[in-house]
Protein backbone atom coordinates (compact mmCIF):
# COMPACT_ATOMS: atom_id res chain seq x y z
CA MET A 1 -97.25 48.42 -31.55
CA LYS A 2 -96.23 44.88 -33.54
CA ARG A 3 -93.03 44.80 -31.83
CA LYS A 4 -95.65 44.59 -28.80
CA ILE A 5 -98.12 42.43 -29.81
CA SER A 6 -95.04 39.96 -30.92
CA GLN A 7 -93.33 40.54 -27.35
CA LYS A 8 -96.48 40.07 -25.43
CA LEU A 9 -97.86 37.17 -27.39
CA LYS A 10 -94.01 35.35 -26.55
CA LYS A 11 -94.64 35.91 -23.01
CA GLU A 12 -98.06 34.71 -23.22
CA LEU A 13 -98.05 31.43 -25.35
CA PRO A 14 -94.86 30.03 -24.30
CA GLY A 15 -94.04 27.56 -27.24
CA LEU A 16 -95.45 30.17 -29.72
CA LYS A 17 -93.21 30.04 -33.09
CA ARG A 18 -93.33 32.53 -36.02
CA ASN A 19 -93.17 32.74 -39.93
CA ILE A 20 -94.12 28.97 -40.00
CA SER A 21 -94.92 27.10 -43.30
CA LEU A 22 -98.44 26.65 -43.71
CA LYS A 23 -98.57 24.08 -46.43
CA ASN A 24 -97.33 21.55 -44.09
CA TYR A 25 -100.00 21.38 -42.27
CA THR A 26 -102.72 21.32 -44.98
CA THR A 27 -103.43 18.28 -47.20
CA PHE A 28 -102.93 20.11 -50.41
CA LYS A 29 -99.43 20.89 -49.36
CA ILE A 30 -99.58 24.66 -50.40
CA GLY A 31 -99.06 27.55 -48.71
CA GLY A 32 -97.13 30.52 -47.56
CA PRO A 33 -95.68 31.27 -43.58
CA VAL A 34 -97.87 32.61 -41.21
CA LYS A 35 -96.73 35.23 -38.84
CA TYR A 36 -97.65 33.69 -35.34
CA PHE A 37 -98.06 30.02 -35.04
CA PHE A 38 -99.49 27.55 -31.76
CA VAL A 39 -100.55 24.61 -30.88
CA ALA A 40 -103.11 24.30 -28.46
CA LYS A 41 -103.34 21.15 -27.22
CA ASN A 42 -105.80 21.72 -24.70
CA LYS A 43 -109.65 23.41 -24.38
CA GLU A 44 -108.13 25.74 -22.25
CA ASP A 45 -105.07 26.35 -24.19
CA LEU A 46 -107.72 26.93 -27.39
CA ILE A 47 -109.92 29.47 -25.14
CA GLU A 48 -106.91 31.41 -24.02
CA THR A 49 -105.54 31.81 -27.01
CA ILE A 50 -107.99 33.55 -28.61
CA LYS A 51 -108.28 35.19 -25.93
CA LYS A 52 -104.72 36.75 -26.35
CA ALA A 53 -105.80 37.69 -29.97
CA LYS A 54 -109.01 39.22 -29.35
CA GLU A 55 -107.41 41.30 -26.91
CA LEU A 56 -104.31 42.40 -29.62
CA LYS A 57 -107.20 42.78 -32.40
CA LEU A 58 -105.00 40.09 -34.19
CA PRO A 59 -106.92 38.04 -36.85
CA PHE A 60 -106.38 34.40 -36.20
CA PHE A 61 -107.41 31.18 -37.60
CA ILE A 62 -108.24 27.43 -36.24
CA LEU A 63 -106.69 24.94 -38.06
CA GLY A 64 -107.75 21.45 -37.89
CA GLY A 65 -106.45 18.66 -39.92
CA GLY A 66 -105.65 21.18 -42.78
CA SER A 67 -108.17 19.31 -45.54
CA ASN A 68 -110.63 21.35 -47.16
CA LEU A 69 -108.43 24.21 -46.82
CA LEU A 70 -106.41 26.56 -49.33
CA VAL A 71 -103.56 29.07 -48.24
CA SER A 72 -102.20 31.81 -50.09
CA ASP A 73 -98.80 31.73 -51.23
CA LYS A 74 -98.18 35.11 -49.28
CA GLY A 75 -99.33 33.07 -46.42
CA PHE A 76 -101.32 34.80 -43.41
CA ASP A 77 -100.33 37.82 -41.07
CA GLY A 78 -101.74 37.03 -38.26
CA LEU A 79 -102.28 33.96 -35.79
CA VAL A 80 -102.42 30.50 -36.83
CA ILE A 81 -104.29 28.01 -33.80
CA LYS A 82 -103.44 24.41 -34.46
CA ILE A 83 -106.00 22.30 -31.77
CA LEU A 84 -104.34 19.15 -30.88
CA ASN A 85 -107.34 18.60 -28.06
CA SER A 86 -108.24 15.27 -28.84
CA LYS A 87 -109.07 13.58 -26.14
CA PHE A 88 -112.34 11.25 -26.59
CA TYR A 89 -113.94 8.36 -24.89
CA ILE A 90 -117.58 6.22 -25.76
CA PRO A 91 -119.78 5.44 -23.16
CA ASN A 92 -122.63 3.39 -24.01
CA SER A 93 -123.50 4.23 -27.21
CA LYS A 94 -122.66 7.54 -27.67
CA ILE A 95 -119.00 9.25 -28.27
CA PHE A 96 -117.56 12.36 -26.80
CA ALA A 97 -114.74 14.16 -28.86
CA GLU A 98 -112.76 17.31 -28.45
CA ALA A 99 -112.98 19.41 -32.07
CA GLY A 100 -109.45 18.35 -32.51
CA THR A 101 -109.68 14.41 -32.34
CA PRO A 102 -108.84 12.80 -36.21
CA LEU A 103 -112.62 11.53 -37.74
CA THR A 104 -110.87 8.44 -38.96
CA LEU A 105 -109.74 7.60 -35.44
CA ILE A 106 -113.47 7.80 -34.27
CA VAL A 107 -114.75 5.83 -36.66
CA ASN A 108 -112.24 2.96 -36.11
CA GLU A 109 -112.41 2.68 -32.34
CA ALA A 110 -116.50 3.27 -32.85
CA ALA A 111 -116.27 -0.24 -35.20
CA LYS A 112 -113.93 -1.87 -33.04
CA LYS A 113 -116.72 -1.32 -29.72
CA GLY A 114 -119.88 -2.21 -32.87
CA LEU A 115 -121.39 0.73 -32.91
CA THR A 116 -123.07 1.90 -36.63
CA GLY A 117 -123.49 4.99 -37.70
CA LEU A 118 -119.80 6.20 -39.42
CA GLU A 119 -119.00 3.70 -41.62
CA TRP A 120 -119.92 6.51 -44.37
CA ALA A 121 -116.51 8.86 -42.88
CA ALA A 122 -114.39 6.41 -43.24
CA GLY A 123 -111.18 7.46 -45.54
CA ILE A 124 -112.60 11.34 -44.84
CA PRO A 125 -109.48 13.08 -43.30
CA GLY A 126 -109.86 16.09 -40.66
CA THR A 127 -111.00 16.50 -37.37
CA VAL A 128 -114.14 15.95 -35.65
CA GLY A 129 -114.58 19.70 -35.31
CA GLY A 130 -113.88 20.60 -39.11
CA ALA A 131 -116.10 17.90 -39.96
CA ILE A 132 -119.32 19.38 -37.94
CA TYR A 133 -118.13 22.64 -39.26
CA GLY A 134 -118.87 21.58 -42.97
CA ASN A 135 -121.27 19.00 -42.43
CA ALA A 136 -118.85 16.50 -43.95
CA GLY A 137 -120.78 13.72 -45.64
CA ALA A 138 -120.63 10.85 -47.99
CA PHE A 139 -121.89 8.17 -49.51
CA GLY A 140 -125.70 9.82 -48.53
CA ARG A 141 -125.06 10.03 -44.58
CA SER A 142 -123.20 13.51 -42.90
CA MET A 143 -122.67 14.98 -39.36
CA LYS A 144 -125.98 15.79 -39.18
CA ASP A 145 -127.20 12.50 -38.96
CA VAL A 146 -124.67 11.45 -35.73
CA VAL A 147 -124.48 14.87 -33.46
CA LYS A 148 -126.09 14.86 -30.67
CA GLU A 149 -124.73 17.65 -29.03
CA VAL A 150 -121.77 20.42 -29.78
CA GLU A 151 -120.15 22.44 -27.36
CA TYR A 152 -118.62 25.77 -28.42
CA GLY A 153 -117.00 28.98 -27.06
CA GLU A 154 -118.92 32.48 -28.19
CA VAL A 155 -116.45 34.90 -28.76
CA GLY A 156 -118.04 38.30 -27.33
CA PHE A 157 -116.22 41.99 -26.94
CA PRO A 158 -114.10 43.03 -26.53
CA SER A 159 -112.58 39.10 -25.52
CA GLU A 160 -115.16 37.39 -23.58
CA ILE A 161 -115.93 33.37 -24.56
CA ARG A 162 -118.80 31.76 -23.38
CA LEU A 163 -118.63 28.43 -23.12
CA LEU A 164 -122.33 27.09 -24.42
CA LYS A 165 -124.22 23.50 -25.63
CA ILE A 166 -126.44 23.29 -28.69
CA LYS A 167 -128.12 20.99 -29.81
CA ASN A 168 -128.51 19.25 -33.54
CA ARG A 169 -131.74 20.48 -34.37
CA ASP A 170 -130.21 24.19 -33.75
CA CYS A 171 -127.09 23.95 -35.58
CA GLU A 172 -128.85 24.50 -38.95
CA PHE A 173 -127.38 21.46 -40.69
CA SER A 174 -127.55 21.46 -44.37
CA TYR A 175 -125.74 20.37 -47.37
CA LYS A 176 -122.20 21.13 -46.16
CA ASP A 177 -123.23 23.70 -44.20
CA SER A 178 -123.78 24.59 -40.82
CA ILE A 179 -124.57 27.43 -38.06
CA PHE A 180 -120.40 27.31 -37.40
CA LYS A 181 -120.09 28.74 -40.81
CA HIS A 182 -121.63 31.76 -40.73
CA LYS A 183 -121.20 32.91 -37.31
CA LYS A 184 -117.34 33.00 -37.18
CA ASN A 185 -117.73 33.74 -33.79
CA LEU A 186 -118.57 30.48 -32.59
CA ILE A 187 -115.26 27.64 -31.89
CA ILE A 188 -116.25 24.28 -31.85
CA LEU A 189 -114.82 22.38 -28.76
CA SER A 190 -116.31 19.16 -28.27
CA ALA A 191 -119.26 17.30 -29.26
CA ILE A 192 -121.58 13.96 -28.67
CA LEU A 193 -121.86 11.79 -31.17
CA GLN A 194 -125.03 9.47 -31.00
CA LEU A 195 -124.38 5.68 -32.79
CA LYS A 196 -126.22 2.53 -32.43
CA LYS A 197 -125.51 -0.52 -31.70
CA GLY A 198 -124.21 -3.44 -34.70
CA ASN A 199 -122.93 -6.22 -36.13
CA LYS A 200 -119.68 -5.52 -36.12
CA LYS A 201 -118.41 -7.50 -38.69
CA VAL A 202 -120.68 -6.18 -40.88
CA ILE A 203 -119.93 -2.49 -39.94
CA GLU A 204 -116.36 -3.43 -40.54
CA SER A 205 -117.41 -4.72 -43.98
CA LYS A 206 -119.04 -1.36 -44.96
CA ILE A 207 -115.73 0.79 -43.79
CA LYS A 208 -113.66 -1.76 -46.17
CA LYS A 209 -116.15 -1.19 -48.93
CA ASN A 210 -116.18 2.58 -48.94
CA LEU A 211 -112.23 2.37 -48.54
CA GLU A 212 -111.92 0.81 -51.64
CA GLN A 213 -114.46 3.26 -53.67
CA ARG A 214 -112.75 6.34 -52.38
CA LYS A 215 -109.56 4.76 -53.29
CA LYS A 216 -111.21 3.55 -56.69
CA THR A 217 -112.91 7.17 -57.65
CA GLN A 218 -110.69 9.50 -56.19
CA PRO A 219 -107.04 10.65 -56.58
CA LEU A 220 -105.32 9.86 -53.46
CA ASN A 221 -101.99 9.61 -55.00
CA PHE A 222 -101.49 13.52 -54.72
CA PRO A 223 -101.81 16.64 -52.38
CA SER A 224 -105.28 17.57 -52.66
CA ALA A 225 -108.06 19.57 -50.63
CA GLY A 226 -110.77 16.72 -51.63
CA SER A 227 -113.86 18.07 -53.76
CA ILE A 228 -113.19 21.75 -54.83
CA PHE A 229 -117.01 22.79 -55.01
CA LYS A 230 -120.14 21.58 -53.52
CA ASN A 231 -122.26 19.54 -56.11
CA PRO A 232 -125.33 22.07 -56.54
CA PRO A 233 -128.80 20.83 -56.71
CA GLY A 234 -129.11 17.92 -58.98
CA PHE A 235 -125.52 18.09 -60.17
CA SER A 236 -122.78 16.33 -59.94
CA ALA A 237 -120.18 19.30 -59.75
CA GLY A 238 -117.46 16.78 -61.30
CA GLU A 239 -119.98 15.73 -63.86
CA LEU A 240 -120.29 19.26 -65.18
CA ILE A 241 -116.62 19.97 -64.96
CA GLU A 242 -115.60 16.93 -66.83
CA LYS A 243 -118.52 17.78 -69.18
CA CYS A 244 -116.27 21.20 -70.05
CA GLY A 245 -113.72 19.04 -71.47
CA LEU A 246 -111.73 20.40 -68.53
CA LYS A 247 -110.38 16.61 -67.02
CA GLY A 248 -106.31 17.10 -67.27
CA LYS A 249 -106.33 20.94 -67.41
CA LYS A 250 -103.09 22.14 -65.61
CA ILE A 251 -101.43 25.08 -64.80
CA GLY A 252 -98.25 25.30 -63.44
CA GLY A 253 -97.44 22.93 -60.51
CA VAL A 254 -101.74 21.76 -60.29
CA LYS A 255 -104.00 20.37 -62.30
CA ILE A 256 -107.70 18.78 -62.65
CA SER A 257 -107.79 15.35 -61.60
CA GLU A 258 -108.24 13.36 -64.66
CA LYS A 259 -109.90 10.63 -62.17
CA HIS A 260 -112.39 12.60 -60.72
CA ALA A 261 -112.70 16.30 -62.05
CA ASN A 262 -113.63 17.69 -58.91
CA PHE A 263 -110.15 17.70 -57.10
CA ILE A 264 -107.43 19.65 -58.05
CA LEU A 265 -103.74 18.10 -57.61
CA ASN A 266 -100.35 19.49 -56.20
CA LEU A 267 -98.05 18.01 -58.83
CA GLY A 268 -95.06 19.31 -56.62
CA ARG A 269 -95.11 17.05 -54.31
CA HIS A 270 -93.86 14.71 -56.98
CA PRO A 271 -90.45 15.48 -58.47
CA PRO A 272 -89.26 16.91 -60.75
CA ALA A 273 -92.70 18.53 -61.60
CA THR A 274 -93.41 22.42 -60.26
CA GLN A 275 -94.34 22.59 -56.47
CA GLY A 276 -97.77 23.97 -56.80
CA LYS A 277 -99.35 27.42 -56.16
CA ALA A 278 -102.40 28.75 -54.76
CA LYS A 279 -102.25 31.53 -57.31
CA ASP A 280 -102.62 28.69 -59.68
CA VAL A 281 -105.16 26.72 -57.95
CA ILE A 282 -107.46 30.20 -57.64
CA LYS A 283 -106.54 30.05 -61.80
CA LEU A 284 -108.32 26.56 -62.42
CA ILE A 285 -111.11 27.70 -60.22
CA ASN A 286 -112.01 30.50 -62.09
CA LEU A 287 -111.68 29.01 -65.00
CA ILE A 288 -113.90 26.28 -63.91
CA LYS A 289 -116.72 28.49 -62.53
CA GLN A 290 -116.20 30.12 -66.34
CA LYS A 291 -116.64 27.17 -68.21
CA VAL A 292 -119.18 25.61 -66.39
CA LYS A 293 -121.63 28.81 -66.02
CA ASN A 294 -121.05 29.26 -69.59
CA LYS A 295 -122.22 26.05 -70.83
CA PHE A 296 -124.66 24.95 -68.16
CA LYS A 297 -126.22 28.55 -66.67
CA VAL A 298 -124.90 26.81 -63.66
CA ASN A 299 -123.23 28.74 -60.67
CA LEU A 300 -120.79 26.52 -58.88
CA GLU A 301 -119.84 27.05 -55.31
CA GLU A 302 -116.01 26.71 -53.57
CA GLU A 303 -116.40 23.96 -50.47
CA ILE A 304 -113.35 24.68 -49.57
CA GLN A 305 -112.05 27.53 -47.96
CA ILE A 306 -109.28 30.13 -48.44
CA LEU A 307 -107.06 31.54 -45.83
CA GLU A 308 -105.18 35.00 -47.25
C-alpha cells in the first residue's frame, strides 16, 4: 500500500522529493526527515497537492517560512507542502498578497509606496499566511489591524476543496490566534491588507526603530523559533521565566536565552556546540511550565507549533 502511495504521488506530483531533512526549512534549524516533500509554486499547485494527499489519506502539513515551528527529531511521516506562492501587488492603499509571500517583503514594499500600518512587522520572519494564521503581532499591533479579507480553501470530504473568502470580523482574531488555528481544514491562500497613506520618511524611521529594538532585546545571533510561549493575561512570559532563575538553563544543545527568557536557542549552529534536538527543547518547555506553575500559579501556553 505504501509503495502504491509513493508511486502515485511521484507520478502526479513532478518534483516530489523523499526523506528530506526539515531542519533546513525552519528558523530553529531542528528536526528530522519528512517522508514526502513538495514545493507548491502557486495556488493551483497547493490545491492539487492537498487533493492528492486527501485522496490517498496521507497526513499533510503546510510549511511557510518555518518560524514558530518545532519539528520532531523523528520527523514527519506524511507530506510536507512548502508554499512558494508569493505573488503580490499594491493597488492604491491595499496590498494583495498570496500566502507564501514573505512578511518582510510586504513591509518593505509598503514603505516604498508610503503606506503605513505594517511598521510593527519589521523583522518578523515567516509568510503572510503564517502571520494571519497566528495573528502575528508586535509593539501593540497585529495582523487583525490590517487584514481586510482572506481567501482560503475549505477542505471537505473526501477531497473536495471549496474556494471561499472571509472578512476580518469573521476571522476570529485574538491574541496570537485566529479561526484558522482551530479549523485545520481551512487553508489560507491569499489576503487583502488595508493600509493608509503616510509619510515615507516617518514610516522608514519607525521601521528602523523597530528593527533596532528587536536587535537590542532579542537573541538574533542563534537559531530559534521566536517566542516559545504566549504572554498570559497581565504577565510577560519572559519575565516569569526569568524570575524562576531559568535564564541560561541548558539541556543538550539548546538553552534558554540570557537576553530574552522566552526564547530557546539552538546552539548547534555554532560549532563546536552540540547540535540542538527537539527532545531537549521539549524538556526545557516542560521544565519552564512546571517552574512557572509552581512559583506563580500561572499556566504557560505554547505559541510555537510542534510537528511530529
